Amino acid sequence: MNANDLRDKTVDELRDMLASMKKESFNLRFQQATGQLENTSGIKAARRNAARVKTILNEKAAAAAE
């Protein structure tokens, strides 16, 4: 996922993506707690992708406020 690709999306699309990323993050944490998670780097990637989407949402909100 690239930040430039995210900037092309609408705010609603970004919010939907963020919600799905939070669900994915929850599922990964649940798998880790139960010992079923094989690829632990997925947690880090999911967290960073969610942060990237939040950053773009904040950029769009700041641009709209001007």
C-alpha atoms as a PDB file:
ATOM      1  CA  MET A   1       0.000   0.000   0.000  1.00  0.00           C
ATOM      2  CA  ASN A   2       1.424   3.315  -1.101  1.00  0.00           C
ATOM      3  CA  ALA A   3       0.566   6.727   0.374  1.00  0.00           C
ATOM      4  CA  ASN A   4       0.175   8.182  -3.110  1.00  0.00           C
ATOM      5  CA  ASP A   5      -2.449   5.576  -3.939  1.00  0.00           C
ATOM      6  CA  LEU A   6      -4.311   6.433  -0.746  1.00  0.00           C
ATOM      7  CA  ARG A   7      -4.377  10.136  -1.568  1.00  0.00           C
ATOM      8  CA  ASP A   8      -6.402   9.352  -4.693  1.00  0.00           C
ATOM      9  CA  LYS A   9      -9.178   7.719  -2.661  1.00  0.00           C
ATOM     10  CA  THR A  10     -12.151   9.530  -1.167  1.00  0.00           C
ATOM     11  CA  VAL A  11     -12.609  10.087   2.555  1.00  0.00           C
ATOM     12  CA  ASP A  12     -15.391   7.501   2.702  1.00  0.00           C
ATOM     13  CA  GLU A  13     -13.226   4.884   1.011  1.00  0.00           C
ATOM     14  CA  LEU A  14     -10.408   5.619   3.456  1.00  0.00           C
ATOM     15  CA  ARG A  15     -12.736   5.263   6.435  1.00  0.00           C
ATOM     16  CA  ASP A  16     -13.967   1.925   5.119  1.00  0.00           C
ATOM     17  CA  MET A  17     -10.387   0.780   4.642  1.00  0.00           C
ATOM     18  CA  LEU A  18      -9.510   1.874   8.168  1.00  0.00           C
ATOM     19  CA  ALA A  19     -12.420  -0.082   9.628  1.00  0.00           C
ATOM     20  CA  SER A  20     -11.393  -3.223   7.759  1.00  0.00           C
ATOM     21  CA  MET A  21      -7.778  -2.763   8.862  1.00  0.00           C
ATOM     22  CA  LYS A  22      -8.845  -2.506  12.479  1.00  0.00           C
ATOM     23  CA  LYS A  23     -10.789  -5.754  12.114  1.00  0.00           C
ATOM     24  CA  GLU A  24      -7.770  -7.393  10.524  1.00  0.00           C
ATOM     25  CA  SER A  25      -5.542  -6.136  13.334  1.00  0.00           C
ATOM     26  CA  PHE A  26      -7.946  -7.532  15.915  1.00  0.00           C
ATOM     27  CA  ASN A  27      -8.017 -10.905  14.168  1.00  0.00           C
ATOM     28  CA  LEU A  28      -4.223 -11.015  14.038  1.00  0.00           C
ATOM     29  CA  ARG A  29      -3.935 -10.174  17.740  1.00  0.00           C
ATOM     30  CA  PHE A  30      -6.522 -12.832  18.550  1.00  0.00           C
ATOM     31  CA  GLN A  31      -4.596 -15.414  16.518  1.00  0.00           C
ATOM     32  CA  GLN A  32      -1.403 -14.467  18.329  1.00  0.00           C
ATOM     33  CA  ALA A  33      -3.045 -14.826  21.724  1.00  0.00           C
ATOM     34  CA  THR A  34      -4.341 -18.286  20.863  1.00  0.00           C
ATOM     35  CA  GLY A  35      -1.028 -19.384  19.357  1.00  0.00           C
ATOM     36  CA  GLN A  36      -2.362 -19.762  15.809  1.00  0.00           C
ATOM     37  CA  LEU A  37      -0.430 -16.887  14.224  1.00  0.00           C
ATOM     38  CA  GLU A  38       2.458 -18.060  12.055  1.00  0.00           C
ATOM     39  CA  ASN A  39       3.599 -14.785  10.485  1.00  0.00           C
ATOM     40  CA  THR A  40       4.090 -12.282  13.295  1.00  0.00           C
ATOM     41  CA  SER A  41       5.212  -9.512  10.949  1.00  0.00           C
ATOM     42  CA  GLY A  42       1.594  -9.186   9.801  1.00  0.00           C
ATOM     43  CA  ILE A  43       0.722  -7.403  13.050  1.00  0.00           C
ATOM     44  CA  LYS A  44       3.349  -4.757  12.422  1.00  0.00           C
ATOM     45  CA  ALA A  45       2.281  -4.318   8.804  1.00  0.00           C
ATOM     46  CA  ALA A  46      -1.397  -4.003   9.742  1.00  0.00           C
ATOM     47  CA  ARG A  47      -0.607  -1.394  12.385  1.00  0.00           C
ATOM     48  CA  ARG A  48       1.511   0.650   9.989  1.00  0.00           C
ATOM     49  CA  ASN A  49      -1.081   0.481   7.214  1.00  0.00           C
ATOM     50  CA  ALA A  50      -3.758   1.743   9.604  1.00  0.00           C
ATOM     51  CA  ALA A  51      -1.471   4.586  10.684  1.00  0.00           C
ATOM     52  CA  ARG A  52      -0.823   5.453   7.038  1.00  0.00           C
ATOM     53  CA  VAL A  53      -4.566   5.695   6.346  1.00  0.00           C
ATOM     54  CA  LYS A  54      -5.088   7.830   9.455  1.00  0.00           C
ATOM     55  CA  THR A  55      -2.322  10.182   8.323  1.00  0.00           C
ATOM     56  CA  ILE A  56      -3.936  10.653   4.911  1.00  0.00           C
ATOM     57  CA  LEU A  57      -7.335  11.251   6.562  1.00  0.00           C
ATOM     58  CA  ASN A  58      -5.789  13.931   8.766  1.00  0.00           C
ATOM     59  CA  GLU A  59      -4.109  15.537   5.761  1.00  0.00           C
ATOM     60  CA  LYS A  60      -7.434  15.658   3.935  1.00  0.00           C
ATOM     61  CA  ALA A  61      -9.183  17.117   7.007  1.00  0.00           C
ATOM     62  CA  ALA A  62      -6.520  19.817   7.346  1.00  0.00           C
ATOM     63  CA  ALA A  63      -6.808  20.683   3.646  1.00  0.00           C
ATOM     64  CA  ALA A  64     -10.580  20.935   3.942  1.00  0.00           C
ATOM     65  CA  ALA A  65     -10.300  23.221   6.978  1.00  0.00           C
ATOM     66  CA  GLU A  66      -8.233  25.770   5.063  1.00  0.00           C
END
